[in-house]
Protein backbone atom coordinates (compact mmCIF):
# COMPACT_ATOMS: atom_id res chain seq x y z
CA MET A 1 58.32 -34.49 73.37
CA LEU A 2 60.64 -37.52 73.26
CA ARG A 3 60.50 -37.81 77.05
CA THR A 4 56.69 -37.84 76.97
CA LEU A 5 56.67 -40.42 74.20
CA TRP A 6 59.07 -42.63 76.18
CA LYS A 7 57.22 -42.19 79.47
CA LYS A 8 53.71 -42.81 78.13
CA TYR A 9 54.29 -45.46 75.47
CA ILE A 10 57.73 -46.93 74.82
CA GLY A 11 58.85 -47.20 78.43
CA LEU A 12 55.69 -49.09 79.35
CA LEU A 13 56.56 -51.79 76.83
CA PHE A 14 59.81 -52.50 78.68
CA SER A 15 58.60 -52.11 82.25
CA ARG A 16 58.01 -55.10 84.47
CA PRO A 17 54.83 -55.55 86.47
CA PRO A 18 55.32 -54.65 90.13
CA GLN A 19 56.54 -57.37 92.45
CA CYS A 20 54.90 -58.05 95.80
CA GLN A 21 56.36 -57.99 99.29
CA VAL A 22 54.82 -58.10 102.76
CA ALA A 23 55.64 -55.90 105.76
CA ALA A 24 54.82 -55.86 109.44
CA LEU A 25 53.78 -52.64 111.13
CA CYS A 26 54.62 -53.62 114.70
CA TYR A 27 53.11 -51.34 117.31
CA ARG A 28 52.63 -50.89 121.03
CA HIS A 29 50.74 -48.47 123.23
CA ALA A 30 53.01 -46.50 125.56
CA GLY A 31 52.45 -43.60 127.94
CA SER A 32 53.26 -41.17 125.13
CA GLY A 33 50.78 -42.86 122.75
CA LEU A 34 51.22 -45.22 119.85
CA GLN A 35 54.75 -46.35 119.00
CA ILE A 36 55.88 -48.12 115.83
CA LEU A 37 58.91 -50.37 115.56
CA VAL A 38 61.25 -49.57 112.68
CA VAL A 39 64.48 -51.33 111.74
CA THR A 40 67.44 -50.42 109.59
CA SER A 41 67.98 -52.17 106.29
CA ARG A 42 71.09 -54.31 106.25
CA GLU A 43 72.85 -52.66 103.32
CA THR A 44 71.82 -48.99 103.18
CA ARG A 45 71.00 -48.60 106.90
CA ARG A 46 67.78 -46.75 106.02
CA TRP A 47 64.83 -46.98 108.42
CA VAL A 48 62.17 -49.40 107.14
CA LEU A 49 59.42 -51.67 108.38
CA PRO A 50 60.37 -55.35 108.64
CA LYS A 51 59.49 -56.74 105.21
CA GLY A 52 60.28 -59.45 102.73
CA TRP A 53 59.03 -61.70 99.97
CA PRO A 54 56.03 -64.02 100.39
CA LYS A 55 56.98 -67.50 101.62
CA ALA A 56 55.64 -70.90 100.65
CA GLY A 57 53.40 -72.37 103.31
CA LEU A 58 52.55 -69.00 104.88
CA ASP A 59 49.77 -66.56 104.11
CA ALA A 60 50.77 -62.92 103.59
CA ALA A 61 50.24 -61.95 107.24
CA GLY A 62 52.20 -65.00 108.41
CA ALA A 63 55.12 -64.11 106.13
CA ALA A 64 55.07 -60.52 107.44
CA LEU A 65 55.14 -61.78 111.03
CA GLU A 66 58.03 -64.11 110.23
CA GLU A 67 59.97 -61.12 108.80
CA ALA A 68 59.25 -59.18 112.01
CA TRP A 69 60.68 -62.06 114.03
CA GLU A 70 63.77 -62.51 111.83
CA GLU A 71 64.58 -58.80 111.52
CA ALA A 72 63.54 -57.47 114.93
CA GLY A 73 62.80 -60.33 117.36
CA VAL A 74 59.11 -59.44 117.63
CA THR A 75 56.79 -61.51 119.81
CA PRO A 76 53.21 -60.53 118.91
CA VAL A 77 50.19 -60.31 121.19
CA SER A 78 48.40 -62.40 118.55
CA PRO A 79 49.77 -64.12 115.43
CA ARG A 80 46.79 -62.82 113.49
CA GLY A 81 47.80 -59.74 111.51
CA HIS A 82 45.42 -57.25 109.95
CA LYS A 83 46.06 -55.70 106.57
CA ILE A 84 46.09 -51.92 106.99
CA GLY A 85 47.38 -50.74 103.63
CA CYS A 86 49.85 -50.97 100.82
CA TYR A 87 52.67 -48.81 99.51
CA ARG A 88 54.93 -48.88 96.47
CA TYR A 89 58.66 -48.32 96.29
CA ALA A 90 61.48 -48.93 93.85
CA LYS A 91 63.49 -51.86 95.23
CA ARG A 92 67.12 -51.79 94.13
CA LEU A 93 68.17 -55.19 92.85
CA ASP A 94 71.75 -56.45 92.75
CA GLY A 95 73.41 -54.31 90.12
CA GLY A 96 71.31 -51.27 91.05
CA LEU A 97 68.32 -51.80 88.75
CA PRO A 98 65.06 -50.54 90.28
CA LEU A 99 62.06 -52.85 90.48
CA ASN A 100 58.64 -51.43 91.34
CA THR A 101 57.43 -53.33 94.38
CA ASP A 102 54.03 -53.22 96.05
CA VAL A 103 54.27 -53.86 99.80
CA HIS A 104 51.18 -55.14 101.63
CA VAL A 105 51.34 -53.99 105.26
CA PHE A 106 49.94 -56.02 108.17
CA ALA A 107 49.61 -54.64 111.70
CA PHE A 108 50.70 -56.64 114.75
CA GLU A 109 50.52 -55.50 118.35
CA VAL A 110 53.82 -56.37 120.06
CA ALA A 111 53.92 -58.23 123.37
CA GLY A 112 57.73 -58.03 123.57
CA LEU A 113 61.06 -58.03 121.79
CA GLN A 114 63.50 -60.89 122.13
CA ASP A 115 67.23 -60.26 122.60
CA SER A 116 68.19 -63.23 120.42
CA TYR A 117 66.76 -63.49 116.87
CA PRO A 118 68.12 -64.39 113.42
CA GLU A 119 69.32 -60.92 112.32
CA VAL A 120 70.48 -59.57 115.69
CA GLY A 121 73.61 -57.48 115.14
CA GLN A 122 72.74 -56.86 111.48
CA ARG A 123 70.06 -54.24 112.06
CA GLU A 124 69.18 -51.56 114.54
CA ARG A 125 65.62 -51.44 115.87
CA ARG A 126 63.88 -48.46 117.42
CA TRP A 127 60.45 -47.48 118.70
CA MET A 128 59.15 -44.21 117.22
CA SER A 129 55.94 -42.23 117.23
CA PRO A 130 54.01 -42.43 113.94
CA ASP A 131 55.22 -38.94 112.96
CA GLU A 132 58.85 -39.76 113.84
CA ALA A 133 58.64 -43.01 111.86
CA ALA A 134 57.12 -41.18 108.88
CA ALA A 135 59.96 -38.65 108.95
CA ALA A 136 62.58 -41.42 109.22
CA VAL A 137 61.55 -43.51 106.19
CA ASP A 138 62.22 -42.52 102.58
CA GLU A 139 59.16 -43.85 100.74
CA PRO A 140 56.39 -41.20 100.36
CA ASP A 141 53.54 -43.77 100.33
CA LEU A 142 54.91 -45.41 103.48
CA GLN A 143 55.23 -41.98 105.12
CA ASP A 144 51.51 -41.40 104.47
CA LEU A 145 50.58 -44.80 105.90
CA LEU A 146 52.68 -44.22 109.03
CA ARG A 147 51.12 -40.80 109.64
CA ARG A 148 47.69 -42.51 109.59
CA ALA A 149 48.82 -45.42 111.78
CA SER A 150 47.06 -44.23 114.95
CA VAL A 151 43.71 -44.27 113.18
CA LEU A 152 44.43 -47.50 111.29
CA VAL A 153 45.32 -49.55 114.39
CA ARG A 154 42.62 -47.95 116.56
CA ASP A 155 39.96 -49.51 114.33
CA LEU A 156 41.42 -53.05 114.42
CA PRO A 157 39.54 -55.86 116.18
CA ALA A 158 40.81 -56.79 119.63
CA ALA A 159 43.47 -59.51 119.70
């Protein structure tokens, strides 16, 4: 009873509205089909999409592409990203407090990966099939989006 009261009423009074981040779903077509680029987070070493906070002077897709460059050395086929979805996760802030964060995901076809980029040596990067990527990440909403990636990128306009 107390848990329900807290969850439905009292807890909502103290909760913060979700924050917003942007992510890049970087993909390529290989002989085995669609592949998605995932990177490890710097601190926990979990597999994630390149993502970060919006940046002044850039639209959401531009900020997502900049994160893909900084975190994975991505060179896109086109700098124009296409929003393909959104997922929510609990971002751990310094001190361990969770903050609900909505992540807007933009798809970019990858022309190549550079060997020198800002976070080289801080992260691992790996190409995975959509199902492998879904199994590698922790966030259930992101897992769902990755499992649908083949359909989502198939319907995008040509670069």
